[in-house]
């Protein structure tokens, strides 16, 4: 069986062989690839992988080693990832070349966020042999993008926003456009893979005739080892995995902090991901986005200057270290499907507080594995944080239960065999 994967990134294992930089996004793909490579011979899968590359690499294609006795055919395609709302018809020509060279029995596309998904579906033209795995849904993101920001902030345009044509309103419009491409691609496929009540419901609205397959994610292998301990973490240390655009809800947490600090003045927030607020010089401050400017305003008004540390982009090892050092992981997003950061925190047994949005409840059981709170309710968020800080007994229970639940959701063997079952079902 020949299976062609279409990915949003160059998988790190391949990038390292090519000696090029790579992204830590979508780390679960690395975990899945490792497992497929191990069993390649047994399941007789010949794997091809296509992914975006720098323009200098051109129409890259090469056989790459995945292990001592496993390899795959790799293909590069050029796509402007800075403007994912723009559909480039040149992608169709490239996918025509890739499909003719590899001649796949099945095309598996991971994600709907970029135009290459629609381009590949159009060119392949075989819905019964095409499966699209839902990660996030751009059409839904567009609806929730502003995450209760004040109208004045939503309309604000900084110099950086004007130059880049990237104001908050423009960002929302871009997600709407991406959502249109996403819906078209999903309507043209015969199979959709997802993992939550949320994505199943949304998929059915878009394409009720497509067969939905449950397929959970295998996360990065490093998070399956070691575990959080209350005696080893830094008390009152809160970790957030991302906060560089409104949907991720960092502003909610900042608004909740004064109430938490009244009772626990040692509380400190550490934020991973792109740093959009730390601008030391006036020239750097000129590059602030409207959302970055709003976060800085909140930090100043809430007297949080010494209570927030931006960590920048972190490797898997650095993320794991942050999880283990923290007293609590908070996911304050306005919308999520099945956030990998929450899965990683739970695998390690880190106590978690998360907004009850999208498919989050399929990962975390409120009162069993951690705590959920109504999205956008900063008072409830503050209360949940303080409850974690004060109730040692439930923290230990949450930690144990979270690890057990996450090991079921992200079971390497079960997720792999489920994937193979889907491929066999499609090819029969």
Protein backbone atom coordinates (compact mmCIF):
# COMPACT_ATOMS: atom_id res chain seq x y z
CA UNK A 1 0.00 0.00 0.00
CA UNK A 2 1.44 3.37 -1.04
CA UNK A 3 0.40 6.22 1.26
CA UNK A 4 1.29 9.86 0.60
CA UNK A 5 1.28 12.21 3.58
CA UNK A 6 0.76 15.94 2.98
CA UNK A 7 2.12 17.89 5.95
CA UNK A 8 2.14 21.54 7.02
CA UNK A 9 5.80 21.39 8.06
CA UNK A 10 9.01 19.57 7.25
CA UNK A 11 9.19 16.89 9.92
CA UNK A 12 12.29 17.46 12.12
CA UNK A 13 13.76 13.98 11.43
CA UNK A 14 13.91 14.88 7.74
CA UNK A 15 15.07 18.45 8.30
CA UNK A 16 18.00 17.24 10.40
CA UNK A 17 19.19 14.99 7.58
CA UNK A 18 18.98 17.92 5.17
CA UNK A 19 20.76 20.24 7.59
CA UNK A 20 18.03 22.89 7.51
CA UNK A 21 16.13 24.64 10.28
CA UNK A 22 12.79 23.22 11.33
CA UNK A 23 9.71 23.99 13.38
CA UNK A 24 8.66 22.36 16.65
CA UNK A 25 5.01 22.79 15.67
CA UNK A 26 2.94 19.67 15.17
CA UNK A 27 5.37 17.54 17.12
CA UNK A 28 2.84 14.70 17.16
CA UNK A 29 3.74 14.05 13.50
CA UNK A 30 7.23 13.04 14.60
CA UNK A 31 5.77 10.55 17.05
CA UNK A 32 3.51 9.06 14.40
CA UNK A 33 6.30 8.89 11.84
CA UNK A 34 8.58 7.05 14.28
CA UNK A 35 5.92 4.41 14.84
CA UNK A 36 5.11 3.97 11.14
CA UNK A 37 8.81 3.61 10.34
CA UNK A 38 9.21 0.88 12.96
CA UNK A 39 6.41 -1.22 11.47
CA UNK A 40 6.84 -0.34 7.82
CA UNK A 41 7.82 -3.83 6.68
CA UNK A 42 5.22 -5.64 8.74
CA UNK A 43 2.32 -3.57 7.41
CA UNK A 44 3.75 -3.23 3.90
CA UNK A 45 3.26 0.51 3.72
CA UNK A 46 5.38 2.48 1.30
CA UNK A 47 5.35 6.02 2.62
CA UNK A 48 5.75 9.28 0.76
CA UNK A 49 5.79 12.66 2.49
CA UNK A 50 5.23 16.08 0.90
CA UNK A 51 5.87 19.29 2.83
CA UNK A 52 6.57 23.01 2.27
CA UNK A 53 10.18 24.02 1.63
CA UNK A 54 12.10 27.23 1.08
CA UNK A 55 12.04 28.50 -2.49
CA UNK A 56 15.78 27.89 -2.75
CA UNK A 57 15.17 24.15 -2.48
CA UNK A 58 12.89 24.20 -5.51
CA UNK A 59 10.92 21.07 -6.34
CA UNK A 60 12.91 18.96 -3.93
CA UNK A 61 12.42 15.19 -4.02
CA UNK A 62 14.61 12.50 -2.54
CA UNK A 63 14.57 9.18 -0.74
CA UNK A 64 15.26 9.80 2.97
CA UNK A 65 16.15 7.39 5.76
CA UNK A 66 13.70 7.10 8.66
CA UNK A 67 15.69 4.53 10.57
CA UNK A 68 18.25 1.80 10.08
CA UNK A 69 15.97 -0.20 7.77
CA UNK A 70 13.27 2.26 6.75
CA UNK A 71 13.05 5.06 4.21
CA UNK A 72 10.44 7.17 2.46
CA UNK A 73 10.11 9.27 -0.68
CA UNK A 74 10.09 12.98 0.22
CA UNK A 75 8.76 15.85 -1.86
CA UNK A 76 9.00 19.58 -1.31
CA UNK A 77 6.58 22.21 -2.54
CA UNK A 78 6.89 25.97 -2.26
CA UNK A 79 4.08 27.86 -0.58
CA UNK A 80 3.99 31.29 0.99
CA UNK A 81 3.11 30.37 4.58
CA UNK A 82 2.98 34.06 5.49
CA UNK A 83 -0.13 34.52 3.35
CA UNK A 84 -2.09 31.28 3.86
CA UNK A 85 -5.32 33.03 2.91
CA UNK A 86 -4.14 33.36 -0.72
CA UNK A 87 -4.69 30.38 -2.99
CA UNK A 88 -1.78 29.76 -5.36
CA UNK A 89 -2.75 27.74 -8.44
CA UNK A 90 0.93 26.85 -8.97
CA UNK A 91 0.52 24.37 -6.14
CA UNK A 92 -1.77 22.31 -8.35
CA UNK A 93 1.00 21.85 -10.91
CA UNK A 94 3.44 20.71 -8.26
CA UNK A 95 1.01 18.21 -6.77
CA UNK A 96 0.34 16.85 -10.22
CA UNK A 97 4.08 16.07 -10.47
CA UNK A 98 4.20 14.53 -6.98
CA UNK A 99 1.14 12.35 -7.55
CA UNK A 100 2.39 11.15 -10.93
CA UNK A 101 5.78 10.24 -9.47
CA UNK A 102 4.56 8.47 -6.32
CA UNK A 103 1.25 7.05 -7.57
CA UNK A 104 -0.34 6.72 -4.11
CA UNK A 105 -3.13 4.35 -3.18
CA UNK A 106 -4.14 6.75 -0.40
CA UNK A 107 -3.50 10.45 0.19
CA UNK A 108 -3.57 11.50 3.85
CA UNK A 109 -3.60 15.28 4.41
CA UNK A 110 -2.79 16.53 7.91
CA UNK A 111 -4.64 19.77 8.55
CA UNK A 112 -6.92 22.14 6.68
CA UNK A 113 -5.16 25.40 7.51
CA UNK A 114 -3.18 25.98 4.30
CA UNK A 115 -4.03 26.20 0.57
CA UNK A 116 -1.98 23.09 -0.25
CA UNK A 117 -4.77 20.97 1.24
CA UNK A 118 -7.29 22.23 -1.30
CA UNK A 119 -4.74 22.07 -4.13
CA UNK A 120 -3.91 18.44 -3.45
CA UNK A 121 -7.56 17.40 -3.11
CA UNK A 122 -8.42 19.10 -6.39
CA UNK A 123 -5.58 17.49 -8.31
CA UNK A 124 -5.92 14.00 -6.83
CA UNK A 125 -9.64 13.96 -7.50
CA UNK A 126 -10.30 10.66 -5.75
CA UNK A 127 -12.40 11.35 -2.64
CA UNK A 128 -12.72 7.66 -1.79
CA UNK A 129 -8.91 7.48 -1.47
CA UNK A 130 -8.45 10.81 0.35
CA UNK A 131 -8.51 11.36 4.11
CA UNK A 132 -8.07 14.74 5.77
CA UNK A 133 -7.10 14.89 9.45
CA UNK A 134 -8.63 17.85 11.24
CA UNK A 135 -6.29 19.75 13.53
CA UNK A 136 -7.91 23.15 14.03
CA UNK A 137 -10.77 24.55 11.97
CA UNK A 138 -10.14 27.97 10.45
CA UNK A 139 -13.83 28.65 9.85
CA UNK A 140 -14.53 28.22 13.57
CA UNK A 141 -11.42 30.14 14.59
CA UNK A 142 -12.61 33.13 12.53
CA UNK A 143 -15.86 33.25 14.51
CA UNK A 144 -14.13 33.24 17.92
CA UNK A 145 -10.93 35.04 16.94
CA UNK A 146 -11.46 38.30 18.88
CA UNK A 147 -11.98 36.44 22.18
CA UNK A 148 -13.96 39.22 23.92
CA UNK A 149 -11.41 41.95 23.20
CA UNK A 150 -12.81 45.47 23.69
CA UNK A 151 -14.18 46.86 20.42
CA UNK A 152 -11.66 49.70 20.58
CA UNK A 153 -8.81 47.19 20.67
CA UNK A 154 -10.31 45.14 17.83
CA UNK A 155 -10.34 48.25 15.64
CA UNK A 156 -6.90 49.51 16.64
CA UNK A 157 -4.19 49.56 13.97
CA UNK A 158 -0.56 50.07 14.96
CA UNK A 159 2.26 51.10 12.63
CA UNK A 160 3.37 47.48 12.45
CA UNK A 161 -0.15 46.36 11.57
CA UNK A 162 -0.49 48.99 8.85
CA UNK A 163 2.85 48.13 7.23
CA UNK A 164 2.19 44.40 7.30
CA UNK A 165 -1.51 44.74 6.49
CA UNK A 166 -2.09 42.59 9.55
CA UNK A 167 -4.47 44.33 11.94
CA UNK A 168 -6.75 42.25 14.17
CA UNK A 169 -9.66 42.79 11.78
CA UNK A 170 -7.46 41.76 8.85
CA UNK A 171 -6.26 38.69 10.74
CA UNK A 172 -9.86 37.66 11.32
CA UNK A 173 -10.69 38.17 7.63
CA UNK A 174 -7.72 36.00 6.68
CA UNK A 175 -9.04 33.17 8.83
CA UNK A 176 -12.45 33.56 7.17
CA UNK A 177 -10.82 33.20 3.76
CA UNK A 178 -8.82 30.21 4.92
CA UNK A 179 -12.07 28.79 6.24
CA UNK A 180 -13.60 29.01 2.75
CA UNK A 181 -10.70 26.98 1.29
CA UNK A 182 -10.97 24.56 4.21
CA UNK A 183 -14.67 23.92 3.64
CA UNK A 184 -14.16 23.36 -0.07
CA UNK A 185 -11.43 20.80 0.61
CA UNK A 186 -13.51 18.98 3.22
CA UNK A 187 -16.48 18.84 0.84
CA UNK A 188 -14.26 17.15 -1.76
CA UNK A 189 -12.94 14.36 0.45
CA UNK A 190 -14.56 11.04 1.23
CA UNK A 191 -12.90 10.54 4.61
CA UNK A 192 -12.31 12.84 7.58
CA UNK A 193 -10.23 11.92 10.65
CA UNK A 194 -10.78 13.67 13.96
CA UNK A 195 -10.69 13.08 17.71
CA UNK A 196 -13.29 15.20 19.50
CA UNK A 197 -17.04 15.74 19.67
CA UNK A 198 -16.36 19.26 18.43
CA UNK A 199 -14.53 18.38 15.20
CA UNK A 200 -16.96 15.55 14.42
CA UNK A 201 -19.93 17.90 14.71
CA UNK A 202 -18.27 20.59 12.60
CA UNK A 203 -17.16 18.07 9.96
CA UNK A 204 -20.70 16.74 9.65
CA UNK A 205 -22.01 20.27 9.05
CA UNK A 206 -19.52 20.80 6.23
CA UNK A 207 -19.65 17.35 4.59
CA UNK A 208 -22.33 15.04 6.01
CA UNK A 209 -21.58 12.37 3.39
CA UNK A 210 -17.90 11.92 4.34
CA UNK A 211 -16.99 8.99 6.59
CA UNK A 212 -15.67 10.18 9.94
CA UNK A 213 -12.83 8.19 11.50
CA UNK A 214 -11.76 8.56 15.13
CA UNK A 215 -7.97 8.96 15.23
CA UNK A 216 -6.18 10.41 18.22
CA UNK A 217 -2.69 11.86 18.18
CA UNK A 218 0.59 10.34 19.27
CA UNK A 219 2.54 13.12 20.95
CA UNK A 220 6.28 13.72 21.04
CA UNK A 221 8.02 10.78 22.69
CA UNK A 222 9.82 12.91 25.27
CA UNK A 223 6.53 13.65 27.07
CA UNK A 224 5.83 9.97 27.76
CA UNK A 225 8.72 9.87 30.24
CA UNK A 226 9.12 11.41 33.72
CA UNK A 227 6.35 12.92 35.79
CA UNK A 228 5.47 16.08 37.65
CA UNK A 229 5.94 16.16 41.42
CA UNK A 230 4.54 18.77 43.75
CA UNK A 231 7.71 18.67 45.83
CA UNK A 232 9.90 19.42 42.80
CA UNK A 233 7.96 22.23 41.14
CA UNK A 234 8.21 25.94 41.89
CA UNK A 235 5.21 26.96 44.01
CA UNK A 236 2.70 29.35 42.36
CA UNK A 237 4.42 29.14 38.99
CA UNK A 238 1.90 29.18 36.10
CA UNK A 239 2.89 27.97 32.65
CA UNK A 240 1.10 28.97 29.42
CA UNK A 241 2.15 27.41 26.12
CA UNK A 242 1.23 30.27 23.78
CA UNK A 243 -0.10 33.80 23.92
CA UNK A 244 0.72 35.59 20.68
CA UNK A 245 -2.79 36.10 19.29
CA UNK A 246 -6.21 36.74 20.87
CA UNK A 247 -7.66 33.25 20.44
CA UNK A 248 -5.08 31.85 22.88
CA UNK A 249 -6.59 34.01 25.61
CA UNK A 250 -3.53 35.32 27.47
CA UNK A 251 -5.50 38.50 28.20
CA UNK A 252 -8.03 36.48 30.20
CA UNK A 253 -5.28 35.18 32.47
CA UNK A 254 -3.81 38.65 32.92
CA UNK A 255 -7.24 39.93 33.98
CA UNK A 256 -7.58 37.08 36.48
CA UNK A 257 -4.20 37.69 38.08
CA UNK A 258 -5.02 40.57 40.51
CA UNK A 259 -7.51 38.34 42.35
CA UNK A 260 -4.96 35.51 42.52
CA UNK A 261 -2.18 37.83 43.66
CA UNK A 262 -4.25 39.14 46.56
CA UNK A 263 -4.06 35.71 48.12
CA UNK A 264 -0.89 34.36 46.51
CA UNK A 265 1.48 37.30 45.85
CA UNK A 266 4.29 34.99 44.73
CA UNK A 267 2.35 33.85 41.64
CA UNK A 268 4.24 34.27 38.37
CA UNK A 269 3.24 33.55 34.76
CA UNK A 270 5.67 32.05 32.24
CA UNK A 271 4.59 32.16 28.58
CA UNK A 272 6.13 30.10 25.77
CA UNK A 273 5.94 30.96 22.07
CA UNK A 274 6.49 34.14 20.10
CA UNK A 275 7.20 37.13 22.31
CA UNK A 276 4.96 39.98 21.16
CA UNK A 277 5.24 42.27 24.20
CA UNK A 278 8.86 42.59 25.33
CA UNK A 279 10.07 45.59 23.35
CA UNK A 280 12.95 47.23 25.18
CA UNK A 281 13.67 50.15 22.81
CA UNK A 282 11.37 52.66 21.16
CA UNK A 283 12.23 51.19 17.75
CA UNK A 284 11.12 47.78 18.90
CA UNK A 285 7.96 49.22 20.40
CA UNK A 286 7.12 50.60 16.96
CA UNK A 287 6.82 46.96 15.85
CA UNK A 288 4.11 46.13 18.38
CA UNK A 289 0.89 44.63 17.10
CA UNK A 290 -2.45 45.86 18.42
CA UNK A 291 -2.79 42.72 20.52
CA UNK A 292 0.77 43.05 21.86
CA UNK A 293 0.03 46.66 22.76
CA UNK A 294 -3.15 45.60 24.58
CA UNK A 295 -1.28 42.94 26.56
CA UNK A 296 1.31 45.52 27.61
CA UNK A 297 -1.51 47.85 28.69
CA UNK A 298 -3.08 45.11 30.81
CA UNK A 299 0.25 44.23 32.39
CA UNK A 300 0.78 47.85 33.36
CA UNK A 301 -2.78 48.46 34.61
CA UNK A 302 -2.88 45.23 36.63
CA UNK A 303 0.59 45.87 38.10
CA UNK A 304 2.00 42.69 36.57
CA UNK A 305 5.30 44.02 35.23
CA UNK A 306 7.32 41.71 37.46
CA UNK A 307 4.81 38.87 37.24
CA UNK A 308 5.01 37.86 33.58
CA UNK A 309 8.00 36.31 31.81
CA UNK A 310 7.99 35.66 28.07
CA UNK A 311 10.12 32.61 27.29
CA UNK A 312 10.17 32.72 23.49
CA UNK A 313 10.06 29.62 21.30
CA UNK A 314 11.00 26.44 23.15
CA UNK A 315 12.24 23.04 22.03
CA UNK A 316 10.46 19.90 23.22
CA UNK A 317 13.07 19.47 25.95
CA UNK A 318 12.64 23.07 27.09
CA UNK A 319 8.85 22.75 27.08
CA UNK A 320 9.07 19.63 29.20
CA UNK A 321 11.33 21.39 31.68
CA UNK A 322 8.84 24.25 31.99
CA UNK A 323 5.97 21.84 32.59
CA UNK A 324 7.85 20.02 35.34
CA UNK A 325 8.93 23.24 37.06
CA UNK A 326 5.43 24.69 37.10
CA UNK A 327 2.79 24.41 39.80
CA UNK A 328 0.04 24.64 37.22
CA UNK A 329 -0.60 24.65 33.46
CA UNK A 330 -3.33 27.03 32.27
CA UNK A 331 -5.10 26.89 28.91
CA UNK A 332 -7.21 30.08 28.70
CA UNK A 333 -8.09 29.83 24.98
CA UNK A 334 -11.32 31.08 23.42
CA UNK A 335 -11.37 27.99 21.18
CA UNK A 336 -9.38 24.76 20.87
CA UNK A 337 -10.02 21.40 19.26
CA UNK A 338 -7.53 19.06 20.90
CA UNK A 339 -4.53 21.11 22.06
CA UNK A 340 -1.26 19.19 22.13
CA UNK A 341 0.06 21.34 24.97
CA UNK A 342 -2.75 20.12 27.20
CA UNK A 343 -2.05 16.51 26.21
CA UNK A 344 1.65 16.96 26.96
CA UNK A 345 0.94 18.52 30.35
CA UNK A 346 -1.42 15.68 31.24
CA UNK A 347 1.05 12.99 30.13
CA UNK A 348 3.51 14.46 32.64
CA UNK A 349 0.83 14.77 35.33
CA UNK A 350 0.96 18.56 35.57
CA UNK A 351 -2.17 20.00 37.27
CA UNK A 352 -4.27 21.72 34.59
CA UNK A 353 -6.91 24.42 34.46
CA UNK A 354 -8.52 24.89 31.04
CA UNK A 355 -11.33 26.81 29.41
CA UNK A 356 -14.22 24.51 28.53
CA UNK A 357 -14.16 25.16 24.78
CA UNK A 358 -14.30 23.07 21.62
CA UNK A 359 -13.01 19.56 22.19
CA UNK A 360 -11.10 20.24 25.43
CA UNK A 361 -13.59 18.23 27.49
CA UNK A 362 -12.62 15.13 25.48
CA UNK A 363 -9.10 15.44 26.86
CA UNK A 364 -9.69 16.66 30.39
CA UNK A 365 -12.55 15.56 32.67
CA UNK A 366 -13.61 18.39 34.96
CA UNK A 367 -13.06 17.46 38.59
CA UNK A 368 -11.36 14.23 37.64
CA UNK A 369 -8.20 15.06 35.69
CA UNK A 370 -8.10 18.79 36.36
CA UNK A 371 -10.45 21.75 36.24
CA UNK A 372 -12.51 23.33 33.47
CA UNK A 373 -14.11 26.75 33.68
CA UNK A 374 -16.55 28.67 31.45
CA UNK A 375 -14.67 30.30 28.57
CA UNK A 376 -13.91 33.96 29.15
CA UNK A 377 -14.95 33.93 32.82
CA UNK A 378 -11.91 35.51 34.48
CA UNK A 379 -13.42 35.26 37.97
CA UNK A 380 -13.92 31.51 37.56
CA UNK A 381 -10.40 31.18 36.13
CA UNK A 382 -8.93 32.93 39.18
CA UNK A 383 -10.97 30.71 41.50
CA UNK A 384 -9.80 27.51 39.80
CA UNK A 385 -6.16 28.61 40.00
CA UNK A 386 -6.46 29.35 43.70
CA UNK A 387 -8.17 26.03 44.30
CA UNK A 388 -5.19 24.22 42.76
CA UNK A 389 -2.84 26.28 44.93
CA UNK A 390 -4.68 25.44 48.16
CA UNK A 391 -5.95 21.87 47.89
CA UNK A 392 -2.98 19.52 47.98
CA UNK A 393 -5.14 16.36 48.04
CA UNK A 394 -7.00 17.08 44.81
CA UNK A 395 -3.78 18.12 43.08
CA UNK A 396 -2.27 14.69 43.63
CA UNK A 397 -5.48 13.04 42.42
CA UNK A 398 -5.63 15.26 39.35
CA UNK A 399 -2.00 14.46 38.55
CA UNK A 400 -2.51 10.69 38.73
CA UNK A 401 -5.78 10.74 36.80
CA UNK A 402 -4.45 13.07 34.12
CA UNK A 403 -1.53 10.78 33.37
CA UNK A 404 -3.84 7.76 33.10
CA UNK A 405 -6.32 9.56 30.87
CA UNK A 406 -3.62 11.01 28.60
CA UNK A 407 -1.98 7.63 28.19
CA UNK A 408 -5.27 6.30 26.84
CA UNK A 409 -5.87 9.28 24.54
CA UNK A 410 -2.31 9.31 23.26
CA UNK A 411 -1.50 5.61 23.38
CA UNK A 412 1.23 5.06 20.80
CA UNK A 413 0.24 1.51 19.91
CA UNK A 414 -3.50 2.05 19.75
CA UNK A 415 -3.21 5.23 17.68
CA UNK A 416 -0.87 3.50 15.24
CA UNK A 417 -3.11 0.47 14.80
CA UNK A 418 -6.13 2.73 14.41
CA UNK A 419 -4.32 4.56 11.60
CA UNK A 420 -3.49 1.29 9.84
CA UNK A 421 -7.10 0.16 10.23
CA UNK A 422 -8.30 3.34 8.52
CA UNK A 423 -5.88 2.83 5.62
CA UNK A 424 -6.96 -0.78 5.18
CA UNK A 425 -10.61 0.17 5.33
CA UNK A 426 -10.08 2.80 2.65
CA UNK A 427 -8.17 0.46 0.37
CA UNK A 428 -10.59 -2.48 0.63
